[in-house]
Amino acid sequence: MLALVLTLVVAALHVGFMVLETFAWTTPKVRRSFGMTAEDAETTKVLAANQGIYNGALAAALTYAALRGEWNAVAILLAFVIVVGLYGAYSAKWTILIVQALPAGAALAAVLLG
């Protein structure tokens, strides 16, 4: 049960990332969060939207696999989230480690221990 709940939390986070990247990328709050000027946000909004679609697809795949009890698939997807979170923390913003990789790590631990 814990693995399911934590996995669905990770999926919900990725839905949030999708909304942020796909629909809110150029808003002042998001620009401040990522230290972007309005011009930077405008220039990168297509790339961010593409990234957002990937996050939405990942959320859908995690939810589907978890609700079907496909724990091997869930573990692979969570490992993917951790790797991407580590890279994002290194290359973009260190807080990605806490917001993305840490929840996925907790969910993966619950999956592997369950």
PDB file of N, CA and C in Angstrom:
ATOM      1  N   MET A   1       0.824  -1.205   0.000  1.00  0.00           N
ATOM      2  CA  MET A   1       0.000   0.000   0.000  1.00  0.00           C
ATOM      3  C   MET A   1       0.866   1.266   0.000  1.00  0.00           C
ATOM      4  N   LEU A   2       1.952   1.256   0.804  1.00  0.00           N
ATOM      5  CA  LEU A   2       2.848   2.411   0.857  1.00  0.00           C
ATOM      6  C   LEU A   2       3.484   2.662  -0.506  1.00  0.00           C
ATOM      7  N   ALA A   3       3.892   1.588  -1.183  1.00  0.00           N
ATOM      8  CA  ALA A   3       4.497   1.734  -2.510  1.00  0.00           C
ATOM      9  C   ALA A   3       3.507   2.378  -3.480  1.00  0.00           C
ATOM     10  N   LEU A   4       2.259   1.965  -3.412  1.00  0.00           N
ATOM     11  CA  LEU A   4       1.236   2.536  -4.291  1.00  0.00           C
ATOM     12  C   LEU A   4       1.053   4.023  -4.008  1.00  0.00           C
ATOM     13  N   VAL A   5       0.918   4.374  -2.755  1.00  0.00           N
ATOM     14  CA  VAL A   5       0.698   5.782  -2.385  1.00  0.00           C
ATOM     15  C   VAL A   5       1.884   6.644  -2.811  1.00  0.00           C
ATOM     16  N   LEU A   6       3.097   6.191  -2.501  1.00  0.00           N
ATOM     17  CA  LEU A   6       4.279   6.984  -2.855  1.00  0.00           C
ATOM     18  C   LEU A   6       4.447   7.100  -4.365  1.00  0.00           C
ATOM     19  N   THR A   7       4.141   6.039  -5.078  1.00  0.00           N
ATOM     20  CA  THR A   7       4.229   6.086  -6.541  1.00  0.00           C
ATOM     21  C   THR A   7       3.208   7.071  -7.105  1.00  0.00           C
ATOM     22  N   LEU A   8       2.007   7.075  -6.557  1.00  0.00           N
ATOM     23  CA  LEU A   8       0.989   8.018  -7.028  1.00  0.00           C
ATOM     24  C   LEU A   8       1.356   9.462  -6.669  1.00  0.00           C
ATOM     25  N   VAL A   9       2.063   9.656  -5.563  1.00  0.00           N
ATOM     26  CA  VAL A   9       2.558  10.999  -5.226  1.00  0.00           C
ATOM     27  C   VAL A   9       3.567  11.450  -6.282  1.00  0.00           C
ATOM     28  N   VAL A  10       4.482  10.554  -6.649  1.00  0.00           N
ATOM     29  CA  VAL A  10       5.461  10.892  -7.695  1.00  0.00           C
ATOM     30  C   VAL A  10       4.735  11.214  -8.999  1.00  0.00           C
ATOM     31  N   ALA A  11       3.728  10.427  -9.345  1.00  0.00           N
ATOM     32  CA  ALA A  11       2.958  10.697 -10.560  1.00  0.00           C
ATOM     33  C   ALA A  11       2.285  12.065 -10.480  1.00  0.00           C
ATOM     34  N   ALA A  12       1.713  12.382  -9.331  1.00  0.00           N
ATOM     35  CA  ALA A  12       1.053  13.688  -9.161  1.00  0.00           C
ATOM     36  C   ALA A  12       2.060  14.830  -9.300  1.00  0.00           C
ATOM     37  N   LEU A  13       3.251  14.652  -8.745  1.00  0.00           N
ATOM     38  CA  LEU A  13       4.292  15.673  -8.908  1.00  0.00           C
ATOM     39  C   LEU A  13       4.586  15.903 -10.387  1.00  0.00           C
ATOM     40  N   HIS A  14       4.643  14.819 -11.151  1.00  0.00           N
ATOM     41  CA  HIS A  14       4.955  14.958 -12.573  1.00  0.00           C
ATOM     42  C   HIS A  14       3.805  15.576 -13.363  1.00  0.00           C
ATOM     43  N   VAL A  15       2.592  15.385 -12.906  1.00  0.00           N
ATOM     44  CA  VAL A  15       1.477  16.128 -13.517  1.00  0.00           C
ATOM     45  C   VAL A  15       1.679  17.620 -13.243  1.00  0.00           C
ATOM     46  N   GLY A  16       2.079  17.939 -12.018  1.00  0.00           N
ATOM     47  CA  GLY A  16       2.366  19.336 -11.688  1.00  0.00           C
ATOM     48  C   GLY A  16       3.490  19.915 -12.536  1.00  0.00           C
ATOM     49  N   PHE A  17       4.561  19.137 -12.731  1.00  0.00           N
ATOM     50  CA  PHE A  17       5.663  19.591 -13.587  1.00  0.00           C
ATOM     51  C   PHE A  17       5.165  19.822 -15.011  1.00  0.00           C
ATOM     52  N   MET A  18       4.280  18.928 -15.478  1.00  0.00           N
ATOM     53  CA  MET A  18       3.734  19.076 -16.822  1.00  0.00           C
ATOM     54  C   MET A  18       2.968  20.394 -16.953  1.00  0.00           C
ATOM     55  N   VAL A  19       2.135  20.686 -15.972  1.00  0.00           N
ATOM     56  CA  VAL A  19       1.356  21.932 -16.015  1.00  0.00           C
ATOM     57  C   VAL A  19       2.292  23.131 -16.003  1.00  0.00           C
ATOM     58  N   LEU A  20       3.269  23.085 -15.123  1.00  0.00           N
ATOM     59  CA  LEU A  20       4.230  24.188 -15.022  1.00  0.00           C
ATOM     60  C   LEU A  20       4.958  24.399 -16.342  1.00  0.00           C
ATOM     61  N   GLU A  21       5.478  23.316 -16.923  1.00  0.00           N
ATOM     62  CA  GLU A  21       6.306  23.436 -18.125  1.00  0.00           C
ATOM     63  C   GLU A  21       5.484  23.671 -19.391  1.00  0.00           C
ATOM     64  N   THR A  22       4.287  23.136 -19.426  1.00  0.00           N
ATOM     65  CA  THR A  22       3.487  23.233 -20.644  1.00  0.00           C
ATOM     66  C   THR A  22       2.624  24.496 -20.689  1.00  0.00           C
ATOM     67  N   PHE A  23       2.115  24.904 -19.537  1.00  0.00           N
ATOM     68  CA  PHE A  23       1.146  26.006 -19.530  1.00  0.00           C
ATOM     69  C   PHE A  23       1.604  27.257 -18.779  1.00  0.00           C
ATOM     70  N   ALA A  24       2.527  27.123 -17.847  1.00  0.00           N
ATOM     71  CA  ALA A  24       2.863  28.268 -16.989  1.00  0.00           C
ATOM     72  C   ALA A  24       4.306  28.739 -17.135  1.00  0.00           C
ATOM     73  N   TRP A  25       5.012  28.232 -18.113  1.00  0.00           N
ATOM     74  CA  TRP A  25       6.441  28.483 -18.243  1.00  0.00           C
ATOM     75  C   TRP A  25       6.809  29.959 -18.292  1.00  0.00           C
ATOM     76  N   THR A  26       6.004  30.765 -18.932  1.00  0.00           N
ATOM     77  CA  THR A  26       6.349  32.182 -19.112  1.00  0.00           C
ATOM     78  C   THR A  26       5.761  33.087 -18.030  1.00  0.00           C
ATOM     79  N   THR A  27       5.111  32.519 -17.022  1.00  0.00           N
ATOM     80  CA  THR A  27       4.537  33.342 -15.959  1.00  0.00           C
ATOM     81  C   THR A  27       5.642  33.889 -15.056  1.00  0.00           C
ATOM     82  N   PRO A  28       5.410  35.032 -14.444  1.00  0.00           N
ATOM     83  CA  PRO A  28       6.434  35.625 -13.587  1.00  0.00           C
ATOM     84  C   PRO A  28       6.914  34.692 -12.460  1.00  0.00           C
ATOM     85  N   LYS A  29       6.010  33.974 -11.837  1.00  0.00           N
ATOM     86  CA  LYS A  29       6.389  33.097 -10.729  1.00  0.00           C
ATOM     87  C   LYS A  29       7.338  31.987 -11.191  1.00  0.00           C
ATOM     88  N   VAL A  30       7.035  31.354 -12.307  1.00  0.00           N
ATOM     89  CA  VAL A  30       7.891  30.287 -12.827  1.00  0.00           C
ATOM     90  C   VAL A  30       9.222  30.868 -13.298  1.00  0.00           C
ATOM     91  N   ARG A  31       9.172  32.008 -13.948  1.00  0.00           N
ATOM     92  CA  ARG A  31      10.420  32.644 -14.394  1.00  0.00           C
ATOM     93  C   ARG A  31      11.327  32.943 -13.209  1.00  0.00           C
ATOM     94  N   ARG A  32      10.762  33.477 -12.131  1.00  0.00           N
ATOM     95  CA  ARG A  32      11.551  33.755 -10.920  1.00  0.00           C
ATOM     96  C   ARG A  32      12.131  32.468 -10.344  1.00  0.00           C
ATOM     97  N   SER A  33      11.310  31.435 -10.315  1.00  0.00           N
ATOM     98  CA  SER A  33      11.730  30.147  -9.752  1.00  0.00           C
ATOM     99  C   SER A  33      12.953  29.593 -10.470  1.00  0.00           C
ATOM    100  N   PHE A  34      13.020  29.784 -11.774  1.00  0.00           N
ATOM    101  CA  PHE A  34      14.133  29.273 -12.556  1.00  0.00           C
ATOM    102  C   PHE A  34      15.148  30.351 -12.929  1.00  0.00           C
ATOM    103  N   GLY A  35      14.975  31.559 -12.417  1.00  0.00           N
ATOM    104  CA  GLY A  35      15.924  32.636 -12.680  1.00  0.00           C
ATOM    105  C   GLY A  35      15.982  33.033 -14.145  1.00  0.00           C
ATOM    106  N   MET A  36      14.825  33.079 -14.801  1.00  0.00           N
ATOM    107  CA  MET A  36      14.776  33.410 -16.227  1.00  0.00           C
ATOM    108  C   MET A  36      14.186  34.791 -16.453  1.00  0.00           C
ATOM    109  N   THR A  37      14.684  35.420 -17.462  1.00  0.00           N
ATOM    110  CA  THR A  37      14.048  36.651 -17.921  1.00  0.00           C
ATOM    111  C   THR A  37      12.834  36.274 -18.759  1.00  0.00           C
ATOM    112  N   ALA A  38      12.006  37.252 -19.050  1.00  0.00           N
ATOM    113  CA  ALA A  38      10.855  37.009 -19.916  1.00  0.00           C
ATOM    114  C   ALA A  38      11.319  36.524 -21.286  1.00  0.00           C
ATOM    115  N   GLU A  39      12.417  37.077 -21.759  1.00  0.00           N
ATOM    116  CA  GLU A  39      12.952  36.670 -23.064  1.00  0.00           C
ATOM    117  C   GLU A  39      13.435  35.222 -23.029  1.00  0.00           C
ATOM    118  N   ASP A  40      14.137  34.839 -21.944  1.00  0.00           N
ATOM    119  CA  ASP A  40      14.602  33.450 -21.804  1.00  0.00           C
ATOM    120  C   ASP A  40      13.419  32.490 -21.820  1.00  0.00           C
ATOM    121  N   ALA A  41      12.390  32.821 -21.062  1.00  0.00           N
ATOM    122  CA  ALA A  41      11.218  31.949 -20.977  1.00  0.00           C
ATOM    123  C   ALA A  41      10.533  31.834 -22.334  1.00  0.00           C
ATOM    124  N   GLU A  42      10.424  32.936 -23.017  1.00  0.00           N
ATOM    125  CA  GLU A  42       9.780  32.925 -24.338  1.00  0.00           C
ATOM    126  C   GLU A  42      10.599  32.087 -25.319  1.00  0.00           C
ATOM    127  N   THR A  43      11.909  32.223 -25.267  1.00  0.00           N
ATOM    128  CA  THR A  43      12.786  31.477 -26.172  1.00  0.00           C
ATOM    129  C   THR A  43      12.729  29.971 -25.915  1.00  0.00           C
ATOM    130  N   THR A  44      12.558  29.585 -24.658  1.00  0.00           N
ATOM    131  CA  THR A  44      12.615  28.160 -24.300  1.00  0.00           C
ATOM    132  C   THR A  44      11.240  27.520 -24.097  1.00  0.00           C
ATOM    133  N   LYS A  45      10.165  28.258 -24.338  1.00  0.00           N
ATOM    134  CA  LYS A  45       8.852  27.716 -23.979  1.00  0.00           C
ATOM    135  C   LYS A  45       8.460  26.485 -24.791  1.00  0.00           C
ATOM    136  N   VAL A  46       8.875  26.380 -26.044  1.00  0.00           N
ATOM    137  CA  VAL A  46       8.561  25.185 -26.830  1.00  0.00           C
ATOM    138  C   VAL A  46       9.320  23.979 -26.277  1.00  0.00           C
ATOM    139  N   LEU A  47      10.572  24.192 -25.904  1.00  0.00           N
ATOM    140  CA  LEU A  47      11.353  23.105 -25.302  1.00  0.00           C
ATOM    141  C   LEU A  47      10.750  22.682 -23.966  1.00  0.00           C
ATOM    142  N   ALA A  48      10.356  23.652 -23.168  1.00  0.00           N
ATOM    143  CA  ALA A  48       9.747  23.342 -21.867  1.00  0.00           C
ATOM    144  C   ALA A  48       8.427  22.598 -22.053  1.00  0.00           C
ATOM    145  N   ALA A  49       7.641  22.995 -23.032  1.00  0.00           N
ATOM    146  CA  ALA A  49       6.369  22.310 -23.278  1.00  0.00           C
ATOM    147  C   ALA A  49       6.621  20.866 -23.690  1.00  0.00           C
ATOM    148  N   ASN A  50       7.622  20.635 -24.507  1.00  0.00           N
ATOM    149  CA  ASN A  50       7.969  19.272 -24.904  1.00  0.00           C
ATOM    150  C   ASN A  50       8.370  18.455 -23.669  1.00  0.00           C
ATOM    151  N   GLN A  51       9.169  19.041 -22.826  1.00  0.00           N
ATOM    152  CA  GLN A  51       9.563  18.396 -21.569  1.00  0.00           C
ATOM    153  C   GLN A  51       8.329  18.131 -20.710  1.00  0.00           C
ATOM    154  N   GLY A  52       7.408  19.061 -20.688  1.00  0.00           N
ATOM    155  CA  GLY A  52       6.177  18.893 -19.920  1.00  0.00           C
ATOM    156  C   GLY A  52       5.345  17.722 -20.408  1.00  0.00           C
ATOM    157  N   ILE A  53       5.281  17.549 -21.717  1.00  0.00           N
ATOM    158  CA  ILE A  53       4.537  16.416 -22.267  1.00  0.00           C
ATOM    159  C   ILE A  53       5.174  15.109 -21.823  1.00  0.00           C
ATOM    160  N   TYR A  54       6.496  15.046 -21.798  1.00  0.00           N
ATOM    161  CA  TYR A  54       7.183  13.850 -21.299  1.00  0.00           C
ATOM    162  C   TYR A  54       6.831  13.597 -19.835  1.00  0.00           C
ATOM    163  N   ASN A  55       6.795  14.655 -19.045  1.00  0.00           N
ATOM    164  CA  ASN A  55       6.426  14.490 -17.637  1.00  0.00           C
ATOM    165  C   ASN A  55       5.000  13.987 -17.482  1.00  0.00           C
ATOM    166  N   GLY A  56       4.101  14.477 -18.307  1.00  0.00           N
ATOM    167  CA  GLY A  56       2.728  13.993 -18.266  1.00  0.00           C
ATOM    168  C   GLY A  56       2.624  12.531 -18.675  1.00  0.00           C
ATOM    169  N   ALA A  57       3.363  12.152 -19.701  1.00  0.00           N
ATOM    170  CA  ALA A  57       3.365  10.755 -20.141  1.00  0.00           C
ATOM    171  C   ALA A  57       3.955   9.852 -19.068  1.00  0.00           C
ATOM    172  N   LEU A  58       4.993  10.309 -18.419  1.00  0.00           N
ATOM    173  CA  LEU A  58       5.596   9.544 -17.329  1.00  0.00           C
ATOM    174  C   LEU A  58       4.594   9.369 -16.192  1.00  0.00           C
ATOM    175  N   ALA A  59       3.878  10.420 -15.850  1.00  0.00           N
ATOM    176  CA  ALA A  59       2.865  10.335 -14.795  1.00  0.00           C
ATOM    177  C   ALA A  59       1.790   9.319 -15.161  1.00  0.00           C
ATOM    178  N   ALA A  60       1.370   9.338 -16.407  1.00  0.00           N
ATOM    179  CA  ALA A  60       0.347   8.385 -16.857  1.00  0.00           C
ATOM    180  C   ALA A  60       0.874   6.952 -16.790  1.00  0.00           C
ATOM    181  N   ALA A  61       2.102   6.739 -17.236  1.00  0.00           N
ATOM    182  CA  ALA A  61       2.683   5.393 -17.215  1.00  0.00           C
ATOM    183  C   ALA A  61       2.865   4.894 -15.783  1.00  0.00           C
ATOM    184  N   LEU A  62       3.335   5.755 -14.893  1.00  0.00           N
ATOM    185  CA  LEU A  62       3.491   5.367 -13.486  1.00  0.00           C
ATOM    186  C   LEU A  62       2.147   5.001 -12.866  1.00  0.00           C
ATOM    187  N   THR A  63       1.148   5.825 -13.116  1.00  0.00           N
ATOM    188  CA  THR A  63      -0.180   5.571 -12.559  1.00  0.00           C
ATOM    189  C   THR A  63      -0.745   4.258 -13.089  1.00  0.00           C
ATOM    190  N   TYR A  64      -0.668   4.068 -14.376  1.00  0.00           N
ATOM    191  CA  TYR A  64      -1.197   2.853 -14.995  1.00  0.00           C
ATOM    192  C   TYR A  64      -0.495   1.616 -14.434  1.00  0.00           C
ATOM    193  N   ALA A  65       0.831   1.634 -14.419  1.00  0.00           N
ATOM    194  CA  ALA A  65       1.591   0.474 -13.939  1.00  0.00           C
ATOM    195  C   ALA A  65       1.302   0.196 -12.463  1.00  0.00           C
ATOM    196  N   ALA A  66       1.239   1.244 -11.661  1.00  0.00           N
ATOM    197  CA  ALA A  66       1.003   1.060 -10.226  1.00  0.00           C
ATOM    198  C   ALA A  66      -0.394   0.512  -9.961  1.00  0.00           C
ATOM    199  N   LEU A  67      -1.391   1.058 -10.637  1.00  0.00           N
ATOM    200  CA  LEU A  67      -2.763   0.596 -10.415  1.00  0.00           C
ATOM    201  C   LEU A  67      -2.984  -0.833 -10.917  1.00  0.00           C
ATOM    202  N   ARG A  68      -2.182  -1.247 -11.876  1.00  0.00           N
ATOM    203  CA  ARG A  68      -2.271  -2.629 -12.375  1.00  0.00           C
ATOM    204  C   ARG A  68      -1.364  -3.578 -11.592  1.00  0.00           C
ATOM    205  N   GLY A  69      -0.576  -3.036 -10.669  1.00  0.00           N
ATOM    206  CA  GLY A  69       0.312  -3.883  -9.885  1.00  0.00           C
ATOM    207  C   GLY A  69       1.522  -4.382 -10.654  1.00  0.00           C
ATOM    208  N   GLU A  70       1.906  -3.642 -11.677  1.00  0.00           N
ATOM    209  CA  GLU A  70       3.082  -3.996 -12.493  1.00  0.00           C
ATOM    210  C   GLU A  70       4.325  -3.381 -11.845  1.00  0.00           C
ATOM    211  N   TRP A  71       4.771  -3.976 -10.749  1.00  0.00           N
ATOM    212  CA  TRP A  71       5.798  -3.363  -9.917  1.00  0.00           C
ATOM    213  C   TRP A  71       7.172  -3.334 -10.566  1.00  0.00           C
ATOM    214  N   ASN A  72       7.455  -4.277 -11.475  1.00  0.00           N
ATOM    215  CA  ASN A  72       8.728  -4.207 -12.200  1.00  0.00           C
ATOM    216  C   ASN A  72       8.762  -2.967 -13.086  1.00  0.00           C
ATOM    217  N   ALA A  73       7.660  -2.694 -13.762  1.00  0.00           N
ATOM    218  CA  ALA A  73       7.576  -1.496 -14.604  1.00  0.00           C
ATOM    219  C   ALA A  73       7.652  -0.234 -13.752  1.00  0.00           C
ATOM    220  N   VAL A  74       6.973  -0.249 -12.611  1.00  0.00           N
ATOM    221  CA  VAL A  74       7.019   0.908 -11.702  1.00  0.00           C
ATOM    222  C   VAL A  74       8.456   1.156 -11.253  1.00  0.00           C
ATOM    223  N   ALA A  75       9.168   0.093 -10.878  1.00  0.00           N
ATOM    224  CA  ALA A  75      10.555   0.242 -10.415  1.00  0.00           C
ATOM    225  C   ALA A  75      11.432   0.840 -11.507  1.00  0.00           C
ATOM    226  N   ILE A  76      11.261   0.390 -12.735  1.00  0.00           N
ATOM    227  CA  ILE A  76      12.063   0.932 -13.845  1.00  0.00           C
ATOM    228  C   ILE A  76      11.749   2.412 -14.057  1.00  0.00           C
ATOM    229  N   LEU A  77      10.473   2.755 -14.042  1.00  0.00           N
ATOM    230  CA  LEU A  77      10.086   4.156 -14.231  1.00  0.00           C
ATOM    231  C   LEU A  77      10.607   5.036 -13.097  1.00  0.00           C
ATOM    232  N   LEU A  78      10.524   4.553 -11.868  1.00  0.00           N
ATOM    233  CA  LEU A  78      11.026   5.334 -10.730  1.00  0.00           C
ATOM    234  C   LEU A  78      12.543   5.500 -10.810  1.00  0.00           C
ATOM    235  N   ALA A  79      13.243   4.450 -11.232  1.00  0.00           N
ATOM    236  CA  ALA A  79      14.699   4.572 -11.412  1.00  0.00           C
ATOM    237  C   ALA A  79      15.017   5.632 -12.465  1.00  0.00           C
ATOM    238  N   PHE A  80      14.223   5.658 -13.522  1.00  0.00           N
ATOM    239  CA  PHE A  80      14.367   6.676 -14.559  1.00  0.00           C
ATOM    240  C   PHE A  80      14.183   8.072 -13.965  1.00  0.00           C
ATOM    241  N   VAL A  81      13.162   8.244 -13.140  1.00  0.00           N
ATOM    242  CA  VAL A  81      12.905   9.538 -12.503  1.00  0.00           C
ATOM    243  C   VAL A  81      14.089   9.953 -11.637  1.00  0.00           C
ATOM    244  N   ILE A  82      14.666   9.017 -10.915  1.00  0.00           N
ATOM    245  CA  ILE A  82      15.807   9.320 -10.056  1.00  0.00           C
ATOM    246  C   ILE A  82      16.997   9.783 -10.892  1.00  0.00           C
ATOM    247  N   VAL A  83      17.309   9.061 -11.953  1.00  0.00           N
ATOM    248  CA  VAL A  83      18.444   9.433 -12.815  1.00  0.00           C
ATOM    249  C   VAL A  83      18.229  10.815 -13.423  1.00  0.00           C
ATOM    250  N   VAL A  84      17.028  11.057 -13.932  1.00  0.00           N
ATOM    251  CA  VAL A  84      16.733  12.359 -14.538  1.00  0.00           C
ATOM    252  C   VAL A  84      16.775  13.466 -13.472  1.00  0.00           C
ATOM    253  N   GLY A  85      16.283  13.157 -12.277  1.00  0.00           N
ATOM    254  CA  GLY A  85      16.340  14.127 -11.186  1.00  0.00           C
ATOM    255  C   GLY A  85      17.762  14.465 -10.782  1.00  0.00           C
ATOM    256  N   LEU A  86      18.624  13.448 -10.740  1.00  0.00           N
ATOM    257  CA  LEU A  86      20.034  13.697 -10.416  1.00  0.00           C
ATOM    258  C   LEU A  86      20.689  14.573 -11.481  1.00  0.00           C
ATOM    259  N   TYR A  87      20.401  14.276 -12.734  1.00  0.00           N
ATOM    260  CA  TYR A  87      20.964  15.088 -13.811  1.00  0.00           C
ATOM    261  C   TYR A  87      20.409  16.513 -13.766  1.00  0.00           C
ATOM    262  N   GLY A  88      19.120  16.634 -13.522  1.00  0.00           N
ATOM    263  CA  GLY A  88      18.524  17.971 -13.420  1.00  0.00           C
ATOM    264  C   GLY A  88      19.117  18.775 -12.276  1.00  0.00           C
ATOM    265  N   ALA A  89      19.385  18.106 -11.160  1.00  0.00           N
ATOM    266  CA  ALA A  89      20.005  18.792 -10.020  1.00  0.00           C
ATOM    267  C   ALA A  89      21.407  19.262 -10.376  1.00  0.00           C
ATOM    268  N   TYR A  90      22.116  18.457 -11.138  1.00  0.00           N
ATOM    269  CA  TYR A  90      23.472  18.811 -11.559  1.00  0.00           C
ATOM    270  C   TYR A  90      23.467  19.920 -12.609  1.00  0.00           C
ATOM    271  N   SER A  91      22.558  19.815 -13.569  1.00  0.00           N
ATOM    272  CA  SER A  91      22.640  20.692 -14.736  1.00  0.00           C
ATOM    273  C   SER A  91      21.738  21.921 -14.690  1.00  0.00           C
ATOM    274  N   ALA A  92      20.669  21.878 -13.907  1.00  0.00           N
ATOM    275  CA  ALA A  92      19.715  22.983 -13.956  1.00  0.00           C
ATOM    276  C   ALA A  92      19.542  23.674 -12.608  1.00  0.00           C
ATOM    277  N   LYS A  93      19.076  22.921 -11.611  1.00  0.00           N
ATOM    278  CA  LYS A  93      18.769  23.529 -10.320  1.00  0.00           C
ATOM    279  C   LYS A  93      18.857  22.453  -9.250  1.00  0.00           C
ATOM    280  N   TRP A  94      19.634  22.679  -8.220  1.00  0.00           N
ATOM    281  CA  TRP A  94      19.897  21.646  -7.216  1.00  0.00           C
ATOM    282  C   TRP A  94      18.644  21.173  -6.503  1.00  0.00           C
ATOM    283  N   THR A  95      17.630  22.031  -6.404  1.00  0.00           N
ATOM    284  CA  THR A  95      16.416  21.644  -5.685  1.00  0.00           C
ATOM    285  C   THR A  95      15.633  20.533  -6.400  1.00  0.00           C
ATOM    286  N   ILE A  96      15.954  20.280  -7.663  1.00  0.00           N
ATOM    287  CA  ILE A  96      15.325  19.168  -8.382  1.00  0.00           C
ATOM    288  C   ILE A  96      15.631  17.856  -7.667  1.00  0.00           C
ATOM    289  N   LEU A  97      16.772  17.797  -7.025  1.00  0.00           N
ATOM    290  CA  LEU A  97      17.131  16.606  -6.248  1.00  0.00           C
ATOM    291  C   LEU A  97      16.072  16.325  -5.183  1.00  0.00           C
ATOM    292  N   ILE A  98      15.611  17.372  -4.518  1.00  0.00           N
ATOM    293  CA  ILE A  98      14.650  17.211  -3.426  1.00  0.00           C
ATOM    294  C   ILE A  98      13.229  17.041  -3.952  1.00  0.00           C
ATOM    295  N   VAL A  99      12.878  17.793  -4.965  1.00  0.00           N
ATOM    296  CA  VAL A  99      11.496  17.792  -5.462  1.00  0.00           C
ATOM    297  C   VAL A  99      11.205  16.582  -6.346  1.00  0.00           C
ATOM    298  N   GLN A 100      12.206  16.072  -7.044  1.00  0.00           N
ATOM    299  CA  GLN A 100      11.969  14.996  -8.005  1.00  0.00           C
ATOM    300  C   GLN A 100      12.650  13.694  -7.605  1.00  0.00           C
ATOM    301  N   ALA A 101      13.951  13.721  -7.366  1.00  0.00           N
ATOM    302  CA  ALA A 101      14.686  12.471  -7.129  1.00  0.00           C
ATOM    303  C   ALA A 101      14.373  11.859  -5.761  1.00  0.00           C
ATOM    304  N   LEU A 102      14.266  12.679  -4.738  1.00  0.00           N
ATOM    305  CA  LEU A 102      14.021  12.155  -3.390  1.00  0.00           C
ATOM    306  C   LEU A 102      12.661  11.446  -3.275  1.00  0.00           C
ATOM    307  N   PRO A 103      11.554  12.034  -3.733  1.00  0.00           N
ATOM    308  CA  PRO A 103      10.286  11.305  -3.673  1.00  0.00           C
ATOM    309  C   PRO A 103      10.321  10.000  -4.476  1.00  0.00           C
ATOM    310  N   ALA A 104      10.963  10.035  -5.632  1.00  0.00           N
ATOM    311  CA  ALA A 104      11.070   8.818  -6.443  1.00  0.00           C
ATOM    312  C   ALA A 104      11.916   7.767  -5.720  1.00  0.00           C
ATOM    313  N   GLY A 105      12.967   8.215  -5.043  1.00  0.00           N
ATOM    314  CA  GLY A 105      13.798   7.283  -4.279  1.00  0.00           C
ATOM    315  C   GLY A 105      13.013   6.627  -3.159  1.00  0.00           C
ATOM    316  N   ALA A 106      12.196   7.400  -2.472  1.00  0.00           N
ATOM    317  CA  ALA A 106      11.355   6.839  -1.400  1.00  0.00           C
ATOM    318  C   ALA A 106      10.355   5.846  -1.971  1.00  0.00           C
ATOM    319  N   ALA A 107       9.757   6.200  -3.088  1.00  0.00           N
ATOM    320  CA  ALA A 107       8.789   5.280  -3.714  1.00  0.00           C
ATOM    321  C   ALA A 107       9.486   4.015  -4.193  1.00  0.00           C
ATOM    322  N   LEU A 108      10.664   4.154  -4.785  1.00  0.00           N
ATOM    323  CA  LEU A 108      11.398   2.975  -5.253  1.00  0.00           C
ATOM    324  C   LEU A 108      11.784   2.074  -4.087  1.00  0.00           C
ATOM    325  N   ALA A 109      12.218   2.670  -2.987  1.00  0.00           N
ATOM    326  CA  ALA A 109      12.550   1.872  -1.803  1.00  0.00           C
ATOM    327  C   ALA A 109      11.317   1.087  -1.321  1.00  0.00           C
ATOM    328  N   ALA A 110      10.173   1.750  -1.316  1.00  0.00           N
ATOM    329  CA  ALA A 110       8.943   1.069  -0.884  1.00  0.00           C
ATOM    330  C   ALA A 110       8.575  -0.060  -1.844  1.00  0.00           C
ATOM    331  N   VAL A 111       8.765   0.169  -3.132  1.00  0.00           N
ATOM    332  CA  VAL A 111       8.481  -0.879  -4.127  1.00  0.00           C
ATOM    333  C   VAL A 111       9.412  -2.074  -3.907  1.00  0.00           C
ATOM    334  N   LEU A 112      10.692  -1.796  -3.751  1.00  0.00           N
ATOM    335  CA  LEU A 112      11.671  -2.883  -3.614  1.00  0.00           C
ATOM    336  C   LEU A 112      11.529  -3.630  -2.299  1.00  0.00           C
ATOM    337  N   LEU A 113      11.117  -2.937  -1.262  1.00  0.00           N
ATOM    338  CA  LEU A 113      10.937  -3.587   0.043  1.00  0.00           C
ATOM    339  C   LEU A 113       9.580  -4.282   0.156  1.00  0.00           C
ATOM    340  N   GLY A 114       8.649  -3.886  -0.703  1.00  0.00           N
ATOM    341  CA  GLY A 114       7.301  -4.453  -0.656  1.00  0.00           C
ATOM    342  C   GLY A 114       7.251  -5.746  -1.374  1.00  0.00           C
TER     343      GLY A 114
END
